[in-house]
Amino acid sequence: MDPITQMPTAHAPLEPLERDLAEIDAAISLVVGGAATRVRLVGLTRADALAAVGLARAQAAGIRFEIDRGITGVVALTLGPRVTEAE
């Protein structure tokens, strides 16, 4: 089982979309910082609403961004691994 890493925050965002975006940013930080190869986010309030922003931030950081819409309708985001120059 992979260890769970919690990212420190100065304050907790109040809005659900802000919390989801903070989770995406934390996942990007984990991959960019080398603490994780991939991070899969599940249980976000509105993952589909933030997909475009998450994709743009992941691309700017040089990591992959994938959306998985399960058969039950649950949306999961996978961030990482790093994108190589050849891709």
PDB file of N, CA and C in Angstrom:
ATOM      1  N   MET A   1       0.848  -1.177   0.000  1.00  0.00           N
ATOM      2  CA  MET A   1       0.000   0.000   0.000  1.00  0.00           C
ATOM      3  C   MET A   1       0.891   1.238   0.000  1.00  0.00           C
ATOM      4  N   ASP A   2       0.531   2.197  -0.840  1.00  0.00           N
ATOM      5  CA  ASP A   2       1.297   3.431  -0.918  1.00  0.00           C
ATOM      6  C   ASP A   2       1.019   4.302   0.303  1.00  0.00           C
ATOM      7  N   PRO A   3       2.062   5.000   0.797  1.00  0.00           N
ATOM      8  CA  PRO A   3       1.834   5.901   1.929  1.00  0.00           C
ATOM      9  C   PRO A   3       1.001   7.105   1.489  1.00  0.00           C
ATOM     10  N   ILE A   4       0.253   7.654   2.426  1.00  0.00           N
ATOM     11  CA  ILE A   4      -0.574   8.831   2.160  1.00  0.00           C
ATOM     12  C   ILE A   4       0.194  10.065   2.595  1.00  0.00           C
ATOM     13  N   THR A   5       0.306  11.024   1.694  1.00  0.00           N
ATOM     14  CA  THR A   5       0.998  12.264   1.994  1.00  0.00           C
ATOM     15  C   THR A   5      -0.014  13.386   2.042  1.00  0.00           C
ATOM     16  N   GLN A   6      -0.005  14.150   3.117  1.00  0.00           N
ATOM     17  CA  GLN A   6      -0.894  15.293   3.216  1.00  0.00           C
ATOM     18  C   GLN A   6      -0.102  16.555   2.966  1.00  0.00           C
ATOM     19  N   MET A   7      -0.659  17.408   2.108  1.00  0.00           N
ATOM     20  CA  MET A   7      -0.011  18.667   1.790  1.00  0.00           C
ATOM     21  C   MET A   7      -0.506  19.733   2.762  1.00  0.00           C
ATOM     22  N   PRO A   8       0.407  20.469   3.404  1.00  0.00           N
ATOM     23  CA  PRO A   8      -0.031  21.519   4.327  1.00  0.00           C
ATOM     24  C   PRO A   8      -0.654  22.684   3.564  1.00  0.00           C
ATOM     25  N   THR A   9      -1.692  23.251   4.151  1.00  0.00           N
ATOM     26  CA  THR A   9      -2.333  24.417   3.549  1.00  0.00           C
ATOM     27  C   THR A   9      -2.447  25.509   4.607  1.00  0.00           C
ATOM     28  N   ALA A  10      -2.411  26.747   4.145  1.00  0.00           N
ATOM     29  CA  ALA A  10      -2.534  27.876   5.072  1.00  0.00           C
ATOM     30  C   ALA A  10      -3.960  27.981   5.593  1.00  0.00           C
ATOM     31  N   HIS A  11      -4.920  27.692   4.753  1.00  0.00           N
ATOM     32  CA  HIS A  11      -6.320  27.701   5.148  1.00  0.00           C
ATOM     33  C   HIS A  11      -7.095  26.774   4.223  1.00  0.00           C
ATOM     34  N   ALA A  12      -8.220  26.314   4.704  1.00  0.00           N
ATOM     35  CA  ALA A  12      -9.049  25.433   3.890  1.00  0.00           C
ATOM     36  C   ALA A  12     -10.010  26.282   3.053  1.00  0.00           C
ATOM     37  N   PRO A  13     -10.016  26.092   1.751  1.00  0.00           N
ATOM     38  CA  PRO A  13     -10.967  26.827   0.910  1.00  0.00           C
ATOM     39  C   PRO A  13     -12.398  26.494   1.304  1.00  0.00           C
ATOM     40  N   LEU A  14     -13.281  27.447   1.198  1.00  0.00           N
ATOM     41  CA  LEU A  14     -14.656  27.247   1.622  1.00  0.00           C
ATOM     42  C   LEU A  14     -15.544  26.635   0.547  1.00  0.00           C
ATOM     43  N   GLU A  15     -15.310  26.985  -0.700  1.00  0.00           N
ATOM     44  CA  GLU A  15     -16.148  26.514  -1.784  1.00  0.00           C
ATOM     45  C   GLU A  15     -15.717  25.112  -2.248  1.00  0.00           C
ATOM     46  N   PRO A  16     -16.691  24.256  -2.578  1.00  0.00           N
ATOM     47  CA  PRO A  16     -16.335  22.908  -3.050  1.00  0.00           C
ATOM     48  C   PRO A  16     -15.412  22.914  -4.270  1.00  0.00           C
ATOM     49  N   LEU A  17     -15.652  23.809  -5.230  1.00  0.00           N
ATOM     50  CA  LEU A  17     -14.780  23.848  -6.403  1.00  0.00           C
ATOM     51  C   LEU A  17     -13.369  24.291  -6.036  1.00  0.00           C
ATOM     52  N   GLU A  18     -13.247  25.200  -5.073  1.00  0.00           N
ATOM     53  CA  GLU A  18     -11.917  25.624  -4.611  1.00  0.00           C
ATOM     54  C   GLU A  18     -11.197  24.466  -3.935  1.00  0.00           C
ATOM     55  N   ARG A  19     -11.931  23.662  -3.174  1.00  0.00           N
ATOM     56  CA  ARG A  19     -11.318  22.490  -2.527  1.00  0.00           C
ATOM     57  C   ARG A  19     -10.846  21.498  -3.581  1.00  0.00           C
ATOM     58  N   ASP A  20     -11.677  21.252  -4.600  1.00  0.00           N
ATOM     59  CA  ASP A  20     -11.279  20.334  -5.669  1.00  0.00           C
ATOM     60  C   ASP A  20     -10.038  20.846  -6.394  1.00  0.00           C
ATOM     61  N   LEU A  21      -9.999  22.139  -6.672  1.00  0.00           N
ATOM     62  CA  LEU A  21      -8.844  22.718  -7.357  1.00  0.00           C
ATOM     63  C   LEU A  21      -7.592  22.623  -6.487  1.00  0.00           C
ATOM     64  N   ALA A  22      -7.749  22.790  -5.186  1.00  0.00           N
ATOM     65  CA  ALA A  22      -6.613  22.641  -4.268  1.00  0.00           C
ATOM     66  C   ALA A  22      -6.088  21.204  -4.290  1.00  0.00           C
ATOM     67  N   GLU A  23      -6.981  20.229  -4.426  1.00  0.00           N
ATOM     68  CA  GLU A  23      -6.572  18.823  -4.520  1.00  0.00           C
ATOM     69  C   GLU A  23      -5.800  18.574  -5.811  1.00  0.00           C
ATOM     70  N   ILE A  24      -6.264  19.160  -6.904  1.00  0.00           N
ATOM     71  CA  ILE A  24      -5.566  19.016  -8.179  1.00  0.00           C
ATOM     72  C   ILE A  24      -4.176  19.643  -8.091  1.00  0.00           C
ATOM     73  N   ASP A  25      -4.103  20.832  -7.514  1.00  0.00           N
ATOM     74  CA  ASP A  25      -2.804  21.500  -7.355  1.00  0.00           C
ATOM     75  C   ASP A  25      -1.859  20.690  -6.473  1.00  0.00           C
ATOM     76  N   ALA A  26      -2.394  20.100  -5.407  1.00  0.00           N
ATOM     77  CA  ALA A  26      -1.562  19.281  -4.524  1.00  0.00           C
ATOM     78  C   ALA A  26      -1.052  18.042  -5.258  1.00  0.00           C
ATOM     79  N   ALA A  27      -1.900  17.420  -6.074  1.00  0.00           N
ATOM     80  CA  ALA A  27      -1.482  16.248  -6.847  1.00  0.00           C
ATOM     81  C   ALA A  27      -0.381  16.620  -7.834  1.00  0.00           C
ATOM     82  N   ILE A  28      -0.535  17.759  -8.489  1.00  0.00           N
ATOM     83  CA  ILE A  28       0.500  18.224  -9.406  1.00  0.00           C
ATOM     84  C   ILE A  28       1.809  18.442  -8.664  1.00  0.00           C
ATOM     85  N   SER A  29       1.732  19.039  -7.488  1.00  0.00           N
ATOM     86  CA  SER A  29       2.936  19.285  -6.682  1.00  0.00           C
ATOM     87  C   SER A  29       3.627  17.991  -6.283  1.00  0.00           C
ATOM     88  N   LEU A  30       2.844  16.970  -5.950  1.00  0.00           N
ATOM     89  CA  LEU A  30       3.432  15.681  -5.577  1.00  0.00           C
ATOM     90  C   LEU A  30       4.195  15.059  -6.740  1.00  0.00           C
ATOM     91  N   VAL A  31       3.638  15.137  -7.938  1.00  0.00           N
ATOM     92  CA  VAL A  31       4.297  14.549  -9.106  1.00  0.00           C
ATOM     93  C   VAL A  31       5.516  15.379  -9.502  1.00  0.00           C
ATOM     94  N   VAL A  32       5.345  16.690  -9.562  1.00  0.00           N
ATOM     95  CA  VAL A  32       6.468  17.558  -9.946  1.00  0.00           C
ATOM     96  C   VAL A  32       7.602  17.451  -8.937  1.00  0.00           C
ATOM     97  N   GLY A  33       7.268  17.358  -7.660  1.00  0.00           N
ATOM     98  CA  GLY A  33       8.279  17.267  -6.613  1.00  0.00           C
ATOM     99  C   GLY A  33       8.929  15.900  -6.484  1.00  0.00           C
ATOM    100  N   GLY A  34       8.401  14.905  -7.199  1.00  0.00           N
ATOM    101  CA  GLY A  34       8.997  13.573  -7.159  1.00  0.00           C
ATOM    102  C   GLY A  34       8.508  12.685  -6.038  1.00  0.00           C
ATOM    103  N   ALA A  35       7.535  13.145  -5.262  1.00  0.00           N
ATOM    104  CA  ALA A  35       7.006  12.329  -4.168  1.00  0.00           C
ATOM    105  C   ALA A  35       6.078  11.231  -4.680  1.00  0.00           C
ATOM    106  N   ALA A  36       5.572  11.401  -5.902  1.00  0.00           N
ATOM    107  CA  ALA A  36       4.683  10.405  -6.508  1.00  0.00           C
ATOM    108  C   ALA A  36       4.915  10.384  -8.011  1.00  0.00           C
ATOM    109  N   THR A  37       4.673   9.237  -8.607  1.00  0.00           N
ATOM    110  CA  THR A  37       4.730   9.129 -10.055  1.00  0.00           C
ATOM    111  C   THR A  37       3.384   9.503 -10.653  1.00  0.00           C
ATOM    112  N   ARG A  38       2.329   9.008 -10.012  1.00  0.00           N
ATOM    113  CA  ARG A  38       0.953   9.300 -10.411  1.00  0.00           C
ATOM    114  C   ARG A  38       0.123   9.530  -9.160  1.00  0.00           C
ATOM    115  N   VAL A  39      -0.882  10.386  -9.312  1.00  0.00           N
ATOM    116  CA  VAL A  39      -1.845  10.600  -8.236  1.00  0.00           C
ATOM    117  C   VAL A  39      -3.232  10.472  -8.845  1.00  0.00           C
ATOM    118  N   ARG A  40      -4.059   9.642  -8.247  1.00  0.00           N
ATOM    119  CA  ARG A  40      -5.435   9.457  -8.719  1.00  0.00           C
ATOM    120  C   ARG A  40      -6.369  10.110  -7.709  1.00  0.00           C
ATOM    121  N   LEU A  41      -7.190  11.034  -8.195  1.00  0.00           N
ATOM    122  CA  LEU A  41      -8.129  11.756  -7.347  1.00  0.00           C
ATOM    123  C   LEU A  41      -9.535  11.233  -7.597  1.00  0.00           C
ATOM    124  N   VAL A  42     -10.185  10.776  -6.537  1.00  0.00           N
ATOM    125  CA  VAL A  42     -11.566  10.300  -6.613  1.00  0.00           C
ATOM    126  C   VAL A  42     -12.372  11.009  -5.538  1.00  0.00           C
ATOM    127  N   GLY A  43     -13.658  11.086  -5.726  1.00  0.00           N
ATOM    128  CA  GLY A  43     -14.525  11.683  -4.725  1.00  0.00           C
ATOM    129  C   GLY A  43     -14.536  13.200  -4.731  1.00  0.00           C
ATOM    130  N   LEU A  44     -14.051  13.797  -5.808  1.00  0.00           N
ATOM    131  CA  LEU A  44     -14.106  15.248  -5.902  1.00  0.00           C
ATOM    132  C   LEU A  44     -15.550  15.673  -6.146  1.00  0.00           C
ATOM    133  N   THR A  45     -15.897  16.855  -5.685  1.00  0.00           N
ATOM    134  CA  THR A  45     -17.269  17.332  -5.808  1.00  0.00           C
ATOM    135  C   THR A  45     -17.680  17.510  -7.258  1.00  0.00           C
ATOM    136  N   ARG A  46     -16.862  18.207  -8.039  1.00  0.00           N
ATOM    137  CA  ARG A  46     -17.177  18.484  -9.440  1.00  0.00           C
ATOM    138  C   ARG A  46     -15.935  18.350 -10.300  1.00  0.00           C
ATOM    139  N   ALA A  47     -15.393  17.177 -10.378  1.00  0.00           N
ATOM    140  CA  ALA A  47     -14.162  16.952 -11.147  1.00  0.00           C
ATOM    141  C   ALA A  47     -14.342  17.339 -12.604  1.00  0.00           C
ATOM    142  N   ASP A  48     -15.511  17.065 -13.154  1.00  0.00           N
ATOM    143  CA  ASP A  48     -15.747  17.391 -14.562  1.00  0.00           C
ATOM    144  C   ASP A  48     -15.754  18.899 -14.809  1.00  0.00           C
ATOM    145  N   ALA A  49     -16.180  19.685 -13.833  1.00  0.00           N
ATOM    146  CA  ALA A  49     -16.230  21.140 -13.982  1.00  0.00           C
ATOM    147  C   ALA A  49     -14.834  21.763 -13.984  1.00  0.00           C
ATOM    148  N   LEU A  50     -13.871  21.079 -13.375  1.00  0.00           N
ATOM    149  CA  LEU A  50     -12.511  21.616 -13.282  1.00  0.00           C
ATOM    150  C   LEU A  50     -11.533  20.933 -14.227  1.00  0.00           C
ATOM    151  N   ALA A  51     -12.039  20.085 -15.095  1.00  0.00           N
ATOM    152  CA  ALA A  51     -11.151  19.322 -15.979  1.00  0.00           C
ATOM    153  C   ALA A  51     -10.303  20.225 -16.864  1.00  0.00           C
ATOM    154  N   ALA A  52     -10.882  21.265 -17.413  1.00  0.00           N
ATOM    155  CA  ALA A  52     -10.112  22.143 -18.310  1.00  0.00           C
ATOM    156  C   ALA A  52      -9.007  22.879 -17.555  1.00  0.00           C
ATOM    157  N   VAL A  53      -9.325  23.362 -16.368  1.00  0.00           N
ATOM    158  CA  VAL A  53      -8.325  24.066 -15.557  1.00  0.00           C
ATOM    159  C   VAL A  53      -7.241  23.089 -15.117  1.00  0.00           C
ATOM    160  N   GLY A  54      -7.652  21.903 -14.676  1.00  0.00           N
ATOM    161  CA  GLY A  54      -6.685  20.887 -14.262  1.00  0.00           C
ATOM    162  C   GLY A  54      -5.767  20.473 -15.399  1.00  0.00           C
ATOM    163  N   LEU A  55      -6.339  20.308 -16.594  1.00  0.00           N
ATOM    164  CA  LEU A  55      -5.538  19.954 -17.759  1.00  0.00           C
ATOM    165  C   LEU A  55      -4.515  21.040 -18.066  1.00  0.00           C
ATOM    166  N   ALA A  56      -4.939  22.291 -18.048  1.00  0.00           N
ATOM    167  CA  ALA A  56      -4.023  23.392 -18.346  1.00  0.00           C
ATOM    168  C   ALA A  56      -2.888  23.457 -17.329  1.00  0.00           C
ATOM    169  N   ARG A  57      -3.212  23.288 -16.062  1.00  0.00           N
ATOM    170  CA  ARG A  57      -2.168  23.336 -15.025  1.00  0.00           C
ATOM    171  C   ARG A  57      -1.231  22.146 -15.126  1.00  0.00           C
ATOM    172  N   ALA A  58      -1.773  20.975 -15.432  1.00  0.00           N
ATOM    173  CA  ALA A  58      -0.929  19.785 -15.580  1.00  0.00           C
ATOM    174  C   ALA A  58      -0.001  19.932 -16.782  1.00  0.00           C
ATOM    175  N   GLN A  59      -0.516  20.426 -17.898  1.00  0.00           N
ATOM    176  CA  GLN A  59       0.323  20.632 -19.077  1.00  0.00           C
ATOM    177  C   GLN A  59       1.418  21.650 -18.805  1.00  0.00           C
ATOM    178  N   ALA A  60       1.084  22.713 -18.091  1.00  0.00           N
ATOM    179  CA  ALA A  60       2.084  23.729 -17.758  1.00  0.00           C
ATOM    180  C   ALA A  60       3.183  23.147 -16.868  1.00  0.00           C
ATOM    181  N   ALA A  61       2.824  22.157 -16.036  1.00  0.00           N
ATOM    182  CA  ALA A  61       3.794  21.526 -15.149  1.00  0.00           C
ATOM    183  C   ALA A  61       4.533  20.372 -15.825  1.00  0.00           C
ATOM    184  N   GLY A  62       4.107  20.002 -17.040  1.00  0.00           N
ATOM    185  CA  GLY A  62       4.779  18.923 -17.760  1.00  0.00           C
ATOM    186  C   GLY A  62       4.388  17.530 -17.311  1.00  0.00           C
ATOM    187  N   ILE A  63       3.135  17.363 -16.866  1.00  0.00           N
ATOM    188  CA  ILE A  63       2.673  16.035 -16.466  1.00  0.00           C
ATOM    189  C   ILE A  63       1.384  15.692 -17.204  1.00  0.00           C
ATOM    190  N   ARG A  64       1.088  14.405 -17.266  1.00  0.00           N
ATOM    191  CA  ARG A  64      -0.126  13.933 -17.927  1.00  0.00           C
ATOM    192  C   ARG A  64      -1.348  14.208 -17.058  1.00  0.00           C
ATOM    193  N   PHE A  65      -2.489  14.296 -17.732  1.00  0.00           N
ATOM    194  CA  PHE A  65      -3.770  14.503 -17.063  1.00  0.00           C
ATOM    195  C   PHE A  65      -4.791  13.625 -17.760  1.00  0.00           C
ATOM    196  N   GLU A  66      -5.457  12.759 -17.014  1.00  0.00           N
ATOM    197  CA  GLU A  66      -6.449  11.859 -17.595  1.00  0.00           C
ATOM    198  C   GLU A  66      -7.731  11.906 -16.791  1.00  0.00           C
ATOM    199  N   ILE A  67      -8.849  11.790 -17.505  1.00  0.00           N
ATOM    200  CA  ILE A  67     -10.170  11.722 -16.876  1.00  0.00           C
ATOM    201  C   ILE A  67     -10.714  10.322 -17.114  1.00  0.00           C
ATOM    202  N   ASP A  68     -11.226   9.704 -16.052  1.00  0.00           N
ATOM    203  CA  ASP A  68     -11.837   8.386 -16.158  1.00  0.00           C
ATOM    204  C   ASP A  68     -13.271   8.493 -15.657  1.00  0.00           C
ATOM    205  N   ARG A  69     -14.192   8.277 -16.572  1.00  0.00           N
ATOM    206  CA  ARG A  69     -15.604   8.265 -16.197  1.00  0.00           C
ATOM    207  C   ARG A  69     -16.034   6.808 -16.076  1.00  0.00           C
ATOM    208  N   GLY A  70     -16.211   6.370 -14.857  1.00  0.00           N
ATOM    209  CA  GLY A  70     -16.583   4.985 -14.618  1.00  0.00           C
ATOM    210  C   GLY A  70     -18.005   4.692 -15.039  1.00  0.00           C
ATOM    211  N   ILE A  71     -18.352   3.420 -15.093  1.00  0.00           N
ATOM    212  CA  ILE A  71     -19.690   3.028 -15.532  1.00  0.00           C
ATOM    213  C   ILE A  71     -20.765   3.481 -14.542  1.00  0.00           C
ATOM    214  N   THR A  72     -20.369   3.748 -13.314  1.00  0.00           N
ATOM    215  CA  THR A  72     -21.331   4.223 -12.321  1.00  0.00           C
ATOM    216  C   THR A  72     -21.491   5.739 -12.356  1.00  0.00           C
ATOM    217  N   GLY A  73     -20.734   6.410 -13.230  1.00  0.00           N
ATOM    218  CA  GLY A  73     -20.831   7.857 -13.332  1.00  0.00           C
ATOM    219  C   GLY A  73     -19.831   8.612 -12.489  1.00  0.00           C
ATOM    220  N   VAL A  74     -19.026   7.891 -11.738  1.00  0.00           N
ATOM    221  CA  VAL A  74     -18.018   8.537 -10.892  1.00  0.00           C
ATOM    222  C   VAL A  74     -16.856   8.975 -11.772  1.00  0.00           C
ATOM    223  N   VAL A  75     -16.426  10.220 -11.585  1.00  0.00           N
ATOM    224  CA  VAL A  75     -15.315  10.769 -12.357  1.00  0.00           C
ATOM    225  C   VAL A  75     -14.064  10.750 -11.491  1.00  0.00           C
ATOM    226  N   ALA A  76     -12.985  10.202 -12.035  1.00  0.00           N
ATOM    227  CA  ALA A  76     -11.694  10.187 -11.350  1.00  0.00           C
ATOM    228  C   ALA A  76     -10.678  10.882 -12.244  1.00  0.00           C
ATOM    229  N   LEU A  77      -9.740  11.583 -11.619  1.00  0.00           N
ATOM    230  CA  LEU A  77      -8.667  12.253 -12.348  1.00  0.00           C
ATOM    231  C   LEU A  77      -7.355  11.588 -11.992  1.00  0.00           C
ATOM    232  N   THR A  78      -6.514  11.363 -12.990  1.00  0.00           N
ATOM    233  CA  THR A  78      -5.180  10.828 -12.770  1.00  0.00           C
ATOM    234  C   THR A  78      -4.187  11.850 -13.279  1.00  0.00           C
ATOM    235  N   LEU A  79      -3.277  12.250 -12.413  1.00  0.00           N
ATOM    236  CA  LEU A  79      -2.238  13.213 -12.768  1.00  0.00           C
ATOM    237  C   LEU A  79      -0.898  12.514 -12.686  1.00  0.00           C
ATOM    238  N   GLY A  80      -0.108  12.622 -13.770  1.00  0.00           N
ATOM    239  CA  GLY A  80       1.185  11.975 -13.848  1.00  0.00           C
ATOM    240  C   GLY A  80       1.105  10.791 -14.766  1.00  0.00           C
ATOM    241  N   PRO A  81       2.224  10.293 -15.177  1.00  0.00           N
ATOM    242  CA  PRO A  81       3.594  10.673 -14.832  1.00  0.00           C
ATOM    243  C   PRO A  81       4.036  11.911 -15.628  1.00  0.00           C
ATOM    244  N   ARG A  82       5.286  12.256 -15.442  1.00  0.00           N
ATOM    245  CA  ARG A  82       5.851  13.375 -16.179  1.00  0.00           C
ATOM    246  C   ARG A  82       5.855  13.051 -17.672  1.00  0.00           C
ATOM    247  N   VAL A  83       5.675  14.059 -18.479  1.00  0.00           N
ATOM    248  CA  VAL A  83       5.696  13.901 -19.929  1.00  0.00           C
ATOM    249  C   VAL A  83       7.129  14.084 -20.400  1.00  0.00           C
ATOM    250  N   THR A  84       7.601  13.136 -21.212  1.00  0.00           N
ATOM    251  CA  THR A  84       8.946  13.242 -21.745  1.00  0.00           C
ATOM    252  C   THR A  84       8.918  14.095 -23.005  1.00  0.00           C
ATOM    253  N   GLU A  85      10.068  14.552 -23.432  1.00  0.00           N
ATOM    254  CA  GLU A  85      10.181  15.409 -24.620  1.00  0.00           C
ATOM    255  C   GLU A  85       9.701  14.704 -25.874  1.00  0.00           C
ATOM    256  N   ALA A  86       9.842  13.389 -25.951  1.00  0.00           N
ATOM    257  CA  ALA A  86       9.489  12.639 -27.152  1.00  0.00           C
ATOM    258  C   ALA A  86       7.977  12.516 -27.319  1.00  0.00           C
ATOM    259  N   GLU A  87       7.203  12.726 -26.270  1.00  0.00           N
ATOM    260  CA  GLU A  87       5.750  12.536 -26.344  1.00  0.00           C
ATOM    261  C   GLU A  87       5.054  13.707 -26.930  1.00  0.00           C
TER     262      GLU A  87
END
